[in-house]
Amino acid sequence: MFFHLFLNVCAPIFLIVAMGWLLDRKFHLHLESLVKLNIYLMVPAFIFTHVLDTELAGSEAMKIIGFTLGMIGLMWAGSAVAARIFKMPGRQRQSLSLATMFYNCGNYGLPLVTLAFGHKAAAVQIYVLATVNIATYTVGLFLAQAHGDSPGSHRVALAKVLRQPTIYAMLAAVVCNLFHYQVKEIIWLWQPLDLLQSSLIGFALVTLGVQMSQTKPAPFRAAMWSAVALRLVLSPLLALPLAILMGFSKDTSASLILAAAAPTAVNTAMLAHEFGGDVSFSTSAVYYTTLFSMFTTTGLLYILKLWL
C-alpha cells in the first residue's frame, strides 16, 4: 500500500517538478516571471472559480480558515522556541518563522490533496490556499519587514499587501455568491478564467522544479534540521488534535492534516530576499523540505488512509 500511494499520489507530483528542473537546466528559465504568472494570473483565477463552484457551507469555510490561521500561529510559536534553543541570530530567526509558518499549499499541497482524496478535498484546500496566501502577504510581509535589515516603512508593506490579487479574487467570489451572480453565464469572462485555473497545478509544479534547480542549498546544520522537523513533522502532529478539537469530519481532517505537512512556500524566500532576511537559509528551507517531503508525505498519507 505504501508503494502504491507513492507511485500514484507523490510520484506524479515529483515527476512534473523534475520536468521543471530539467527544463531550467537546459534553457535557464526566468523564475521571477514564472512566479508572477502564478501569483497574478493563475492563482487568482483558481481561487475565484473554485470558491464560486464549492459546495461548502459558509460555516464550514470559516472553520477551515480558522484552522489554517491556528496552524500558522502554532508554527510561529514552535519556530520561536526552536530559535531560542539554537540561539539563532535575528535574520535567521525571521527566516525560520517564515519557513515554518507558511507552507506550499498551492503548487504542492493542492495536487497532493486532490490526488490523495479527490475533488471534494480540493474544495477544502481552496480555503486553505486563499488563507495562507493572504496571511503570507499580510502577517508574513510585516514579520519579514520587522526583523529584516532593510529600512522600509509599514506603509510600503501595506501597499504591497493591497497589490496582491488573491485578496480581491477571494472577495469578488464571496460577493458573487452572496448576491447570486451567475458569472458562468458570462462566457467571454468565465472561459478565460476557467482556462487559467485549469493550468495552475501543472504550471505551478514546473515553477517549483525551476526554483529547486536554481537553489544552492546551504550546509545542513542544526538550524536547518529544526526547519525541516517543524515544517514536515511537527506541523501535521499539531494539525491532528486541532482538527479534532474543531469538530471536522474524518475526511476533512485528513485533507487538512495532509496539507499541513506540505513543504515551505517558495514565497517565503522572496520575502526574506526583499526585506533583508537570511536568504540562504530561506531558499535552503524550501529546497530541503520539498526534497524530504517526498518521503514524509507518503508516510503520512499511508497513516491517514489507515485511519480513514
Protein backbone atom coordinates (compact mmCIF):
# COMPACT_ATOMS: atom_id res chain seq x y z
CA MET A 1 0.00 0.00 0.00
CA PHE A 2 2.85 2.38 0.83
CA PHE A 3 4.45 1.86 -2.59
CA HIS A 4 1.05 2.16 -4.28
CA LEU A 5 0.43 5.54 -2.60
CA PHE A 6 3.88 6.79 -3.52
CA LEU A 7 3.51 5.69 -7.13
CA ASN A 8 0.01 7.10 -7.66
CA VAL A 9 -0.01 10.22 -5.45
CA CYS A 10 3.51 11.52 -4.79
CA ALA A 11 5.40 10.30 -7.87
CA PRO A 12 3.23 12.26 -10.38
CA ILE A 13 3.90 15.46 -8.44
CA PHE A 14 7.66 14.97 -8.34
CA LEU A 15 7.75 13.87 -11.97
CA ILE A 16 6.40 17.28 -13.05
CA VAL A 17 8.78 19.02 -10.60
CA ALA A 18 11.62 17.06 -12.22
CA MET A 19 10.49 18.27 -15.65
CA GLY A 20 10.73 21.87 -14.42
CA TRP A 21 14.19 21.14 -13.01
CA LEU A 22 15.38 19.64 -16.32
CA LEU A 23 13.90 22.49 -18.40
CA ASP A 24 15.72 25.05 -16.28
CA ARG A 25 18.99 23.14 -16.56
CA LYS A 26 18.58 23.16 -20.34
CA PHE A 27 17.12 26.64 -21.01
CA HIS A 28 17.85 28.68 -17.81
CA LEU A 29 14.28 29.87 -17.30
CA HIS A 30 13.41 33.17 -15.60
CA LEU A 31 11.99 32.20 -12.21
CA GLU A 32 10.57 35.61 -11.31
CA SER A 33 8.43 35.66 -14.46
CA LEU A 34 7.07 32.19 -13.74
CA VAL A 35 6.22 33.18 -10.15
CA LYS A 36 4.43 36.34 -11.31
CA LEU A 37 2.34 34.34 -13.77
CA ASN A 38 1.31 32.12 -10.85
CA ILE A 39 0.58 34.94 -8.43
CA TYR A 40 -1.08 37.44 -10.74
CA LEU A 41 -2.97 35.20 -13.16
CA MET A 42 -3.43 31.56 -12.28
CA VAL A 43 -3.88 31.58 -8.50
CA PRO A 44 -6.49 34.41 -8.53
CA ALA A 45 -8.38 32.68 -11.36
CA PHE A 46 -8.22 29.37 -9.50
CA ILE A 47 -9.48 30.84 -6.23
CA PHE A 48 -12.26 32.85 -7.88
CA THR A 49 -13.64 29.98 -9.96
CA HIS A 50 -13.39 27.36 -7.22
CA VAL A 51 -14.93 29.49 -4.49
CA LEU A 52 -17.86 30.00 -6.86
CA ASP A 53 -18.06 26.26 -7.50
CA THR A 54 -17.54 24.96 -3.98
CA GLU A 55 -20.47 23.40 -2.17
CA LEU A 56 -19.08 24.02 1.32
CA ALA A 57 -21.37 25.83 3.72
CA GLY A 58 -20.28 29.23 4.95
CA SER A 59 -19.74 27.97 8.49
CA GLU A 60 -17.52 25.11 7.27
CA ALA A 61 -15.46 27.51 5.17
CA MET A 62 -14.97 29.80 8.18
CA LYS A 63 -13.84 26.82 10.27
CA ILE A 64 -11.26 25.89 7.62
CA ILE A 65 -9.98 29.46 7.60
CA GLY A 66 -9.82 29.42 11.41
CA PHE A 67 -7.96 26.10 11.38
CA THR A 68 -5.39 27.43 8.90
CA LEU A 69 -4.81 30.60 10.92
CA GLY A 70 -4.48 28.43 14.04
CA MET A 71 -1.79 26.33 12.35
CA ILE A 72 0.11 29.45 11.30
CA GLY A 73 0.02 30.69 14.91
CA LEU A 74 1.14 27.35 16.33
CA MET A 75 4.04 27.12 13.92
CA TRP A 76 5.12 30.65 14.79
CA ALA A 77 5.26 29.58 18.44
CA GLY A 78 7.23 26.44 17.50
CA SER A 79 9.73 28.45 15.48
CA ALA A 80 10.20 30.90 18.36
CA VAL A 81 11.05 28.02 20.72
CA ALA A 82 13.46 26.46 18.20
CA ALA A 83 15.16 29.82 17.56
CA ARG A 84 15.72 30.26 21.30
CA ILE A 85 17.06 26.70 21.72
CA PHE A 86 19.56 27.06 18.86
CA LYS A 87 20.35 30.72 19.70
CA MET A 88 19.72 31.91 16.15
CA PRO A 89 20.56 35.49 15.11
CA GLY A 90 17.72 37.86 14.20
CA ARG A 91 17.79 37.39 10.42
CA GLN A 92 17.85 33.61 10.71
CA ARG A 93 15.09 33.66 13.35
CA GLN A 94 12.92 35.69 10.98
CA SER A 95 13.59 33.27 8.12
CA LEU A 96 12.83 30.24 10.31
CA SER A 97 9.47 31.74 11.29
CA LEU A 98 8.55 32.38 7.65
CA ALA A 99 9.74 28.91 6.58
CA THR A 100 7.62 27.11 9.17
CA MET A 101 4.50 29.30 9.30
CA PHE A 102 3.70 29.43 5.59
CA TYR A 103 3.51 26.19 3.66
CA ASN A 104 3.28 25.33 -0.01
CA CYS A 105 -0.43 24.57 -0.07
CA GLY A 106 -0.78 25.71 -3.69
CA ASN A 107 1.61 24.22 -6.21
CA TYR A 108 2.38 21.27 -3.90
CA GLY A 109 -0.45 20.85 -1.39
CA LEU A 110 -3.30 21.26 -3.86
CA PRO A 111 -2.29 18.49 -6.30
CA LEU A 112 -1.23 16.30 -3.37
CA VAL A 113 -4.61 16.56 -1.62
CA THR A 114 -6.53 16.22 -4.90
CA LEU A 115 -4.68 13.07 -5.97
CA ALA A 116 -4.95 11.60 -2.46
CA PHE A 117 -8.58 12.35 -1.60
CA GLY A 118 -10.34 13.61 -4.74
CA HIS A 119 -12.07 16.80 -5.79
CA LYS A 120 -14.10 17.15 -2.60
CA ALA A 121 -10.84 17.52 -0.70
CA ALA A 122 -9.69 20.06 -3.29
CA ALA A 123 -12.69 22.24 -2.34
CA VAL A 124 -11.39 22.27 1.24
CA GLN A 125 -7.91 23.14 0.02
CA ILE A 126 -9.20 26.23 -1.81
CA TYR A 127 -9.82 27.99 1.50
CA VAL A 128 -6.50 26.81 2.91
CA LEU A 129 -4.73 28.18 -0.18
CA ALA A 130 -6.53 31.53 -0.02
CA THR A 131 -5.89 31.91 3.71
CA VAL A 132 -2.18 31.06 3.51
CA ASN A 133 -1.70 33.37 0.51
CA ILE A 134 -3.38 36.29 2.20
CA ALA A 135 -1.58 35.61 5.50
CA THR A 136 1.78 35.41 3.69
CA TYR A 137 1.33 38.86 2.17
CA THR A 138 -0.06 40.43 5.34
CA VAL A 139 1.29 38.80 8.51
CA GLY A 140 4.32 37.32 6.75
CA LEU A 141 5.17 40.54 4.97
CA PHE A 142 5.05 42.61 8.16
CA LEU A 143 7.01 39.94 10.02
CA ALA A 144 9.69 39.93 7.33
CA GLN A 145 9.95 43.70 7.42
CA ALA A 146 10.00 43.94 11.20
CA HIS A 147 13.06 41.66 11.54
CA GLY A 148 14.86 42.31 8.30
CA ASP A 149 17.76 44.72 7.79
CA SER A 150 16.02 46.92 5.21
CA PRO A 151 14.61 50.23 6.49
CA GLY A 152 11.27 50.03 4.65
CA SER A 153 8.19 51.50 6.28
CA HIS A 154 4.95 49.77 7.22
CA ARG A 155 3.24 51.97 4.64
CA VAL A 156 5.31 50.34 1.90
CA ALA A 157 4.43 46.91 3.30
CA LEU A 158 0.72 47.78 3.34
CA ALA A 159 0.92 48.96 -0.28
CA LYS A 160 2.42 45.60 -1.25
CA VAL A 161 -0.40 43.80 0.56
CA LEU A 162 -3.05 45.81 -1.28
CA ARG A 163 -1.48 44.90 -4.62
CA GLN A 164 -1.97 41.17 -4.09
CA PRO A 165 -4.75 39.94 -6.46
CA THR A 166 -5.53 36.88 -4.31
CA ILE A 167 -7.35 39.09 -1.80
CA TYR A 168 -9.59 40.63 -4.45
CA ALA A 169 -10.26 37.30 -6.17
CA MET A 170 -11.48 35.85 -2.88
CA LEU A 171 -13.63 38.88 -2.06
CA ALA A 172 -15.10 39.00 -5.57
CA ALA A 173 -16.09 35.32 -5.42
CA VAL A 174 -17.70 35.76 -2.00
CA VAL A 175 -19.70 38.78 -3.24
CA CYS A 176 -20.84 36.88 -6.35
CA ASN A 177 -22.02 34.00 -4.15
CA LEU A 178 -23.83 36.30 -1.72
CA PHE A 179 -25.73 38.12 -4.47
CA HIS A 180 -26.15 35.00 -6.66
CA TYR A 181 -24.41 36.50 -9.69
CA GLN A 182 -24.32 33.92 -12.50
CA VAL A 183 -20.75 34.53 -13.62
CA LYS A 184 -20.66 31.22 -15.50
CA GLU A 185 -23.24 32.57 -17.91
CA ILE A 186 -20.89 35.38 -18.97
CA ILE A 187 -19.00 33.18 -21.42
CA TRP A 188 -16.41 35.76 -22.54
CA LEU A 189 -15.34 36.21 -18.88
CA TRP A 190 -15.78 32.70 -17.48
CA GLN A 191 -13.95 30.81 -20.23
CA PRO A 192 -10.60 32.66 -19.85
CA LEU A 193 -10.79 32.27 -16.06
CA ASP A 194 -11.58 28.57 -16.40
CA LEU A 195 -8.69 28.01 -18.82
CA LEU A 196 -6.27 29.80 -16.49
CA GLN A 197 -7.32 27.91 -13.38
CA SER A 198 -7.13 24.54 -15.12
CA SER A 199 -3.49 25.14 -15.97
CA LEU A 200 -2.44 26.17 -12.44
CA ILE A 201 -1.39 22.85 -10.92
CA GLY A 202 0.91 21.69 -13.72
CA PHE A 203 2.41 25.13 -14.26
CA ALA A 204 2.95 25.65 -10.53
CA LEU A 205 4.75 22.30 -10.19
CA VAL A 206 7.02 23.21 -13.11
CA THR A 207 7.73 26.52 -11.36
CA LEU A 208 8.65 24.62 -8.21
CA GLY A 209 11.07 22.50 -10.25
CA VAL A 210 12.71 25.65 -11.63
CA GLN A 211 13.00 27.00 -8.08
CA MET A 212 14.67 23.75 -6.98
CA SER A 213 17.09 23.92 -9.92
CA GLN A 214 18.13 27.50 -9.14
CA THR A 215 18.57 26.97 -5.39
CA LYS A 216 22.06 26.48 -3.99
CA PRO A 217 21.29 24.92 -0.60
CA ALA A 218 23.27 25.92 2.46
CA PRO A 219 25.04 23.32 4.62
CA PHE A 220 22.62 21.11 6.53
CA ARG A 221 23.20 22.20 10.13
CA ALA A 222 21.10 22.12 13.33
CA ALA A 223 19.09 25.22 12.42
CA MET A 224 18.07 23.68 9.10
CA TRP A 225 17.15 20.43 10.81
CA SER A 226 14.79 22.40 13.02
CA ALA A 227 13.10 23.99 9.98
CA VAL A 228 12.61 20.59 8.32
CA ALA A 229 11.34 18.96 11.54
CA LEU A 230 8.94 21.81 12.35
CA ARG A 231 7.53 22.01 8.82
CA LEU A 232 7.26 18.31 7.93
CA VAL A 233 6.81 16.57 11.30
CA LEU A 234 5.53 18.92 13.99
CA SER A 235 3.01 20.66 11.74
CA PRO A 236 0.90 17.55 10.91
CA LEU A 237 1.25 16.36 14.53
CA LEU A 238 -0.31 19.63 15.71
CA ALA A 239 -2.88 19.59 12.91
CA LEU A 240 -4.45 16.33 14.11
CA PRO A 241 -5.62 17.48 17.58
CA LEU A 242 -6.58 20.90 16.22
CA ALA A 243 -8.78 19.34 13.50
CA ILE A 244 -10.43 17.02 16.05
CA LEU A 245 -10.91 19.90 18.51
CA MET A 246 -12.65 21.98 15.84
CA GLY A 247 -15.04 19.14 15.03
CA PHE A 248 -14.15 18.40 11.41
CA SER A 249 -15.20 15.12 9.84
CA LYS A 250 -12.54 12.47 9.32
CA ASP A 251 -12.38 13.14 5.57
CA THR A 252 -11.93 16.88 6.01
CA SER A 253 -9.47 16.37 8.86
CA ALA A 254 -7.34 14.06 6.70
CA SER A 255 -7.21 16.69 3.92
CA LEU A 256 -6.23 19.45 6.34
CA ILE A 257 -3.57 17.33 8.07
CA LEU A 258 -2.01 16.23 4.77
CA ALA A 259 -1.94 19.83 3.52
CA ALA A 260 -0.33 20.95 6.79
CA ALA A 261 2.59 18.60 6.05
CA ALA A 262 3.45 20.44 2.82
CA PRO A 263 6.96 21.90 2.47
CA THR A 264 7.92 25.55 2.89
CA ALA A 265 6.27 28.01 0.49
CA VAL A 266 8.50 29.47 -2.22
CA ASN A 267 7.20 32.99 -1.48
CA THR A 268 8.87 33.00 1.95
CA ALA A 269 12.29 33.04 0.30
CA MET A 270 11.20 36.02 -1.78
CA LEU A 271 10.08 37.88 1.34
CA ALA A 272 13.42 37.18 3.00
CA HIS A 273 15.23 38.46 -0.09
CA GLU A 274 13.18 41.65 -0.32
CA PHE A 275 13.33 42.58 3.36
CA GLY A 276 16.88 41.65 4.29
CA GLY A 277 16.32 38.23 5.84
CA ASP A 278 18.63 35.23 5.69
CA VAL A 279 18.16 34.41 2.00
CA SER A 280 20.47 31.39 2.05
CA PHE A 281 18.56 29.84 4.94
CA SER A 282 15.17 30.62 3.38
CA THR A 283 15.93 29.15 -0.05
CA SER A 284 17.55 26.11 1.58
CA ALA A 285 14.45 25.56 3.71
CA VAL A 286 12.33 25.45 0.54
CA TYR A 287 14.81 23.07 -1.10
CA TYR A 288 15.26 20.61 1.76
CA THR A 289 11.64 20.50 2.92
CA THR A 290 10.48 19.87 -0.64
CA LEU A 291 13.08 17.13 -1.08
CA PHE A 292 12.31 15.31 2.19
CA SER A 293 8.56 15.72 1.76
CA MET A 294 8.71 13.04 -0.93
CA PHE A 295 9.05 10.54 1.90
CA THR A 296 7.27 12.25 4.80
CA THR A 297 4.05 12.97 2.90
CA THR A 298 3.92 9.40 1.59
CA GLY A 299 4.31 8.04 5.13
CA LEU A 300 1.71 10.45 6.48
CA LEU A 301 -0.72 9.60 3.68
CA TYR A 302 -0.29 5.90 4.46
CA ILE A 303 -1.19 6.56 8.12
CA LEU A 304 -4.17 8.73 7.16
CA LYS A 305 -5.53 6.08 4.80
CA LEU A 306 -5.35 3.52 7.61
CA TRP A 307 -7.10 5.99 9.94
CA LEU A 308 -9.89 6.53 7.42
